[in-house]
Amino acid sequence: MAHHELHQPDFGTGQKKLGIYVIGVVACTVLTLLSFWAVLSGIFERMDIIFIIFASAVLQFLVQLICFLRVNTQTEQSRINVMSLVFTGVILVTILAGSLWIMSNLNYYMMN
């Protein structure tokens, strides 16, 4: 019998390191607390609060992609993962925009 080396399959996520998880937890906690503070402090206008919450949510999404899902472009498989993520985003935006367009047209034609 031949001895075969066991190797881990390349899923494109890189090496697991505790430090990147700690950075992710701290960053997500700070962004969540920032949103809570913006709402509870009462010193911002309504549109400013909405902008802070939206910006915090987008940043937290990016932190979670990078730190927890470990989306990167270091290997061929990881580039394929990024392209799959981008394609999923394009499909979601297309479905959302198409649905809003259809509902808007239905509203217009039913009211006029």
N, C-alpha and C. Protein backbone atom coordinates (compact mmCIF):
# COMPACT_ATOMS: atom_id res chain seq x y z
N MET A 1 0.83 -1.18 0.00
CA MET A 1 0.00 0.00 0.00
C MET A 1 0.88 1.24 0.00
N ALA A 2 0.49 2.16 -0.80
CA ALA A 2 1.24 3.41 -0.87
C ALA A 2 0.70 4.39 0.17
N HIS A 3 1.62 5.16 0.68
CA HIS A 3 1.25 6.17 1.68
C HIS A 3 0.91 7.47 0.95
N HIS A 4 -0.31 7.92 1.11
CA HIS A 4 -0.74 9.15 0.47
C HIS A 4 -0.82 10.26 1.51
N GLU A 5 -0.35 11.43 1.11
CA GLU A 5 -0.44 12.57 2.02
C GLU A 5 -1.87 13.05 2.09
N LEU A 6 -2.30 13.34 3.30
CA LEU A 6 -3.62 13.92 3.48
C LEU A 6 -3.46 15.44 3.45
N HIS A 7 -4.20 16.08 2.62
CA HIS A 7 -4.13 17.53 2.54
C HIS A 7 -5.53 18.11 2.65
N GLN A 8 -5.59 19.30 3.17
CA GLN A 8 -6.86 19.99 3.33
C GLN A 8 -7.30 20.53 1.98
N PRO A 9 -8.58 20.43 1.67
CA PRO A 9 -9.06 21.02 0.41
C PRO A 9 -8.99 22.54 0.49
N ASP A 10 -8.74 23.17 -0.65
CA ASP A 10 -8.65 24.63 -0.70
C ASP A 10 -10.04 25.20 -0.96
N PHE A 11 -10.60 25.79 0.09
CA PHE A 11 -11.89 26.45 -0.07
C PHE A 11 -11.72 27.94 -0.31
N GLY A 12 -10.49 28.43 -0.36
CA GLY A 12 -10.22 29.83 -0.63
C GLY A 12 -10.40 30.74 0.56
N THR A 13 -10.39 30.17 1.77
CA THR A 13 -10.62 31.00 2.95
C THR A 13 -9.35 31.31 3.72
N GLY A 14 -8.23 30.75 3.34
CA GLY A 14 -6.98 31.03 4.02
C GLY A 14 -6.88 30.31 5.36
N GLN A 15 -5.86 30.67 6.12
CA GLN A 15 -5.59 30.05 7.42
C GLN A 15 -6.50 30.65 8.49
N LYS A 16 -6.93 29.79 9.41
CA LYS A 16 -7.72 30.27 10.54
C LYS A 16 -6.75 30.81 11.59
N LYS A 17 -6.99 32.07 12.01
CA LYS A 17 -6.16 32.69 13.04
C LYS A 17 -7.07 33.36 14.04
N LEU A 18 -6.75 33.20 15.31
CA LEU A 18 -7.57 33.77 16.38
C LEU A 18 -7.60 35.29 16.30
N GLY A 19 -6.50 35.90 15.92
CA GLY A 19 -6.40 37.36 15.89
C GLY A 19 -7.43 38.02 15.00
N ILE A 20 -7.67 37.44 13.83
CA ILE A 20 -8.63 38.04 12.90
C ILE A 20 -10.04 37.93 13.44
N TYR A 21 -10.35 36.85 14.17
CA TYR A 21 -11.66 36.72 14.79
C TYR A 21 -11.84 37.74 15.91
N VAL A 22 -10.80 37.96 16.69
CA VAL A 22 -10.88 38.96 17.77
C VAL A 22 -11.08 40.35 17.19
N ILE A 23 -10.35 40.67 16.13
CA ILE A 23 -10.53 41.97 15.46
C ILE A 23 -11.97 42.10 14.96
N GLY A 24 -12.51 41.05 14.38
CA GLY A 24 -13.88 41.07 13.87
C GLY A 24 -14.91 41.28 14.97
N VAL A 25 -14.74 40.58 16.09
CA VAL A 25 -15.68 40.73 17.20
C VAL A 25 -15.62 42.15 17.76
N VAL A 26 -14.42 42.67 17.94
CA VAL A 26 -14.27 44.03 18.47
C VAL A 26 -14.86 45.06 17.51
N ALA A 27 -14.56 44.94 16.23
CA ALA A 27 -15.08 45.89 15.23
C ALA A 27 -16.60 45.83 15.17
N CYS A 28 -17.19 44.64 15.15
CA CYS A 28 -18.64 44.52 15.11
C CYS A 28 -19.29 45.06 16.37
N THR A 29 -18.66 44.84 17.51
CA THR A 29 -19.19 45.38 18.76
C THR A 29 -19.17 46.90 18.75
N VAL A 30 -18.06 47.48 18.30
CA VAL A 30 -17.95 48.94 18.24
C VAL A 30 -18.99 49.52 17.29
N LEU A 31 -19.16 48.91 16.13
CA LEU A 31 -20.14 49.41 15.16
C LEU A 31 -21.57 49.29 15.69
N THR A 32 -21.87 48.21 16.40
CA THR A 32 -23.20 48.05 17.00
C THR A 32 -23.43 49.09 18.08
N LEU A 33 -22.43 49.29 18.94
CA LEU A 33 -22.56 50.29 20.00
C LEU A 33 -22.67 51.70 19.43
N LEU A 34 -22.00 51.96 18.31
CA LEU A 34 -22.11 53.26 17.65
C LEU A 34 -23.54 53.52 17.21
N SER A 35 -24.19 52.53 16.65
CA SER A 35 -25.59 52.68 16.23
C SER A 35 -26.50 52.92 17.43
N PHE A 36 -26.32 52.13 18.50
CA PHE A 36 -27.11 52.34 19.70
C PHE A 36 -26.88 53.73 20.28
N TRP A 37 -25.64 54.15 20.34
CA TRP A 37 -25.33 55.47 20.88
C TRP A 37 -25.97 56.58 20.05
N ALA A 38 -25.93 56.46 18.73
CA ALA A 38 -26.51 57.48 17.86
C ALA A 38 -28.02 57.62 18.11
N VAL A 39 -28.68 56.50 18.36
CA VAL A 39 -30.13 56.55 18.59
C VAL A 39 -30.43 57.04 20.01
N LEU A 40 -29.73 56.51 21.00
CA LEU A 40 -30.06 56.82 22.38
C LEU A 40 -29.57 58.18 22.86
N SER A 41 -28.56 58.74 22.21
CA SER A 41 -28.02 60.02 22.68
C SER A 41 -28.98 61.17 22.41
N GLY A 42 -29.72 61.12 21.32
CA GLY A 42 -30.68 62.16 21.01
C GLY A 42 -30.06 63.46 20.51
N ILE A 43 -28.79 63.46 20.14
CA ILE A 43 -28.14 64.69 19.68
C ILE A 43 -28.11 64.81 18.15
N PHE A 44 -28.58 63.79 17.45
CA PHE A 44 -28.54 63.81 15.99
C PHE A 44 -29.95 63.98 15.44
N GLU A 45 -30.03 64.53 14.24
CA GLU A 45 -31.30 64.62 13.53
C GLU A 45 -31.68 63.23 13.02
N ARG A 46 -32.93 63.09 12.61
CA ARG A 46 -33.42 61.78 12.18
C ARG A 46 -32.65 61.25 10.97
N MET A 47 -32.39 62.09 9.98
CA MET A 47 -31.66 61.64 8.78
C MET A 47 -30.21 61.29 9.11
N ASP A 48 -29.61 62.01 10.05
CA ASP A 48 -28.25 61.69 10.48
C ASP A 48 -28.20 60.32 11.15
N ILE A 49 -29.22 60.03 11.97
CA ILE A 49 -29.28 58.73 12.64
C ILE A 49 -29.44 57.61 11.60
N ILE A 50 -30.30 57.83 10.62
CA ILE A 50 -30.49 56.82 9.58
C ILE A 50 -29.18 56.60 8.81
N PHE A 51 -28.47 57.69 8.50
CA PHE A 51 -27.19 57.56 7.80
C PHE A 51 -26.17 56.80 8.65
N ILE A 52 -26.09 57.12 9.93
CA ILE A 52 -25.13 56.44 10.83
C ILE A 52 -25.45 54.96 10.92
N ILE A 53 -26.73 54.62 11.06
CA ILE A 53 -27.12 53.21 11.15
C ILE A 53 -26.81 52.48 9.84
N PHE A 54 -27.13 53.11 8.71
CA PHE A 54 -26.87 52.48 7.41
C PHE A 54 -25.37 52.29 7.18
N ALA A 55 -24.58 53.33 7.47
CA ALA A 55 -23.13 53.23 7.29
C ALA A 55 -22.54 52.17 8.21
N SER A 56 -23.02 52.13 9.45
CA SER A 56 -22.55 51.13 10.39
C SER A 56 -22.90 49.72 9.92
N ALA A 57 -24.10 49.55 9.37
CA ALA A 57 -24.52 48.23 8.88
C ALA A 57 -23.66 47.78 7.70
N VAL A 58 -23.38 48.70 6.78
CA VAL A 58 -22.55 48.36 5.62
C VAL A 58 -21.14 48.00 6.08
N LEU A 59 -20.58 48.79 6.99
CA LEU A 59 -19.24 48.49 7.49
C LEU A 59 -19.21 47.16 8.24
N GLN A 60 -20.26 46.90 9.02
CA GLN A 60 -20.31 45.65 9.76
C GLN A 60 -20.43 44.46 8.80
N PHE A 61 -21.17 44.62 7.72
CA PHE A 61 -21.26 43.57 6.70
C PHE A 61 -19.87 43.28 6.11
N LEU A 62 -19.13 44.34 5.78
CA LEU A 62 -17.79 44.15 5.22
C LEU A 62 -16.84 43.51 6.22
N VAL A 63 -16.92 43.92 7.49
CA VAL A 63 -16.08 43.32 8.53
C VAL A 63 -16.39 41.84 8.67
N GLN A 64 -17.67 41.49 8.65
CA GLN A 64 -18.04 40.08 8.78
C GLN A 64 -17.60 39.27 7.57
N LEU A 65 -17.67 39.85 6.37
CA LEU A 65 -17.18 39.15 5.19
C LEU A 65 -15.69 38.86 5.29
N ILE A 66 -14.94 39.86 5.72
CA ILE A 66 -13.49 39.72 5.75
C ILE A 66 -13.01 38.90 6.94
N CYS A 67 -13.54 39.19 8.12
CA CYS A 67 -13.03 38.55 9.33
C CYS A 67 -13.61 37.16 9.59
N PHE A 68 -14.90 36.98 9.38
CA PHE A 68 -15.52 35.71 9.74
C PHE A 68 -15.66 34.77 8.55
N LEU A 69 -16.06 35.28 7.39
CA LEU A 69 -16.14 34.43 6.21
C LEU A 69 -14.81 34.35 5.47
N ARG A 70 -13.88 35.22 5.84
CA ARG A 70 -12.52 35.27 5.30
C ARG A 70 -12.53 35.34 3.77
N VAL A 71 -13.36 36.24 3.23
CA VAL A 71 -13.39 36.48 1.80
C VAL A 71 -12.15 37.28 1.42
N ASN A 72 -11.34 36.75 0.50
CA ASN A 72 -10.11 37.41 0.06
C ASN A 72 -9.84 37.03 -1.38
N THR A 73 -8.75 37.52 -1.91
CA THR A 73 -8.39 37.21 -3.31
C THR A 73 -6.97 36.65 -3.39
N GLN A 74 -6.57 35.86 -2.42
CA GLN A 74 -5.20 35.37 -2.39
C GLN A 74 -4.98 34.15 -3.29
N THR A 75 -5.99 33.30 -3.45
CA THR A 75 -5.84 32.11 -4.28
C THR A 75 -6.90 32.10 -5.38
N GLU A 76 -6.78 31.18 -6.28
CA GLU A 76 -7.75 31.08 -7.38
C GLU A 76 -9.14 30.76 -6.84
N GLN A 77 -9.22 29.84 -5.89
CA GLN A 77 -10.52 29.48 -5.31
C GLN A 77 -11.14 30.66 -4.57
N SER A 78 -10.34 31.46 -3.90
CA SER A 78 -10.89 32.62 -3.19
C SER A 78 -11.38 33.68 -4.17
N ARG A 79 -10.72 33.83 -5.31
CA ARG A 79 -11.21 34.76 -6.34
C ARG A 79 -12.55 34.28 -6.90
N ILE A 80 -12.69 32.98 -7.06
CA ILE A 80 -13.97 32.42 -7.50
C ILE A 80 -15.05 32.70 -6.45
N ASN A 81 -14.70 32.58 -5.18
CA ASN A 81 -15.64 32.89 -4.10
C ASN A 81 -16.09 34.35 -4.17
N VAL A 82 -15.16 35.26 -4.41
CA VAL A 82 -15.49 36.68 -4.50
C VAL A 82 -16.40 36.94 -5.70
N MET A 83 -16.09 36.33 -6.82
CA MET A 83 -16.93 36.50 -8.00
C MET A 83 -18.33 35.93 -7.78
N SER A 84 -18.44 34.83 -7.05
CA SER A 84 -19.76 34.28 -6.71
C SER A 84 -20.54 35.24 -5.82
N LEU A 85 -19.85 35.85 -4.88
CA LEU A 85 -20.49 36.83 -4.00
C LEU A 85 -20.97 38.05 -4.79
N VAL A 86 -20.15 38.53 -5.71
CA VAL A 86 -20.55 39.68 -6.54
C VAL A 86 -21.74 39.30 -7.42
N PHE A 87 -21.71 38.12 -8.01
CA PHE A 87 -22.82 37.67 -8.85
C PHE A 87 -24.11 37.56 -8.05
N THR A 88 -24.02 37.05 -6.82
CA THR A 88 -25.19 36.97 -5.95
C THR A 88 -25.74 38.35 -5.67
N GLY A 89 -24.86 39.33 -5.41
CA GLY A 89 -25.30 40.70 -5.19
C GLY A 89 -25.99 41.29 -6.40
N VAL A 90 -25.46 41.03 -7.59
CA VAL A 90 -26.08 41.54 -8.82
C VAL A 90 -27.48 40.94 -9.00
N ILE A 91 -27.60 39.65 -8.76
CA ILE A 91 -28.91 38.99 -8.88
C ILE A 91 -29.89 39.57 -7.86
N LEU A 92 -29.45 39.76 -6.62
CA LEU A 92 -30.35 40.32 -5.60
C LEU A 92 -30.79 41.73 -5.94
N VAL A 93 -29.87 42.57 -6.41
CA VAL A 93 -30.23 43.94 -6.80
C VAL A 93 -31.19 43.93 -7.98
N THR A 94 -30.96 43.05 -8.94
CA THR A 94 -31.85 42.94 -10.10
C THR A 94 -33.25 42.53 -9.68
N ILE A 95 -33.36 41.55 -8.82
CA ILE A 95 -34.67 41.09 -8.35
C ILE A 95 -35.37 42.20 -7.55
N LEU A 96 -34.64 42.87 -6.67
CA LEU A 96 -35.22 43.94 -5.87
C LEU A 96 -35.67 45.10 -6.75
N ALA A 97 -34.82 45.54 -7.68
CA ALA A 97 -35.17 46.66 -8.56
C ALA A 97 -36.34 46.29 -9.46
N GLY A 98 -36.35 45.08 -9.99
CA GLY A 98 -37.45 44.64 -10.84
C GLY A 98 -38.76 44.56 -10.07
N SER A 99 -38.71 44.08 -8.85
CA SER A 99 -39.93 44.00 -8.03
C SER A 99 -40.46 45.39 -7.72
N LEU A 100 -39.58 46.31 -7.37
CA LEU A 100 -40.02 47.68 -7.09
C LEU A 100 -40.59 48.33 -8.34
N TRP A 101 -40.00 48.08 -9.48
CA TRP A 101 -40.48 48.64 -10.75
C TRP A 101 -41.88 48.09 -11.08
N ILE A 102 -42.06 46.79 -10.91
CA ILE A 102 -43.36 46.18 -11.18
C ILE A 102 -44.41 46.73 -10.23
N MET A 103 -44.09 46.83 -8.95
CA MET A 103 -45.06 47.36 -7.99
C MET A 103 -45.39 48.82 -8.28
N SER A 104 -44.41 49.59 -8.69
CA SER A 104 -44.65 50.99 -9.03
C SER A 104 -45.58 51.10 -10.24
N ASN A 105 -45.33 50.29 -11.26
CA ASN A 105 -46.20 50.30 -12.44
C ASN A 105 -47.62 49.83 -12.11
N LEU A 106 -47.72 48.79 -11.28
CA LEU A 106 -49.04 48.33 -10.88
C LEU A 106 -49.79 49.42 -10.12
N ASN A 107 -49.10 50.10 -9.23
CA ASN A 107 -49.72 51.19 -8.47
C ASN A 107 -50.18 52.30 -9.41
N TYR A 108 -49.34 52.66 -10.36
CA TYR A 108 -49.68 53.75 -11.30
C TYR A 108 -50.90 53.39 -12.12
N TYR A 109 -50.91 52.19 -12.69
CA TYR A 109 -52.01 51.80 -13.58
C TYR A 109 -53.31 51.49 -12.84
N MET A 110 -53.21 51.09 -11.59
CA MET A 110 -54.44 50.83 -10.84
C MET A 110 -55.05 52.12 -10.29
N MET A 111 -54.23 53.15 -10.07
CA MET A 111 -54.73 54.41 -9.53
C MET A 111 -55.17 55.37 -10.63
N ASN A 112 -54.75 55.16 -11.86
CA ASN A 112 -55.13 56.08 -12.96
C ASN A 112 -56.01 55.41 -13.96
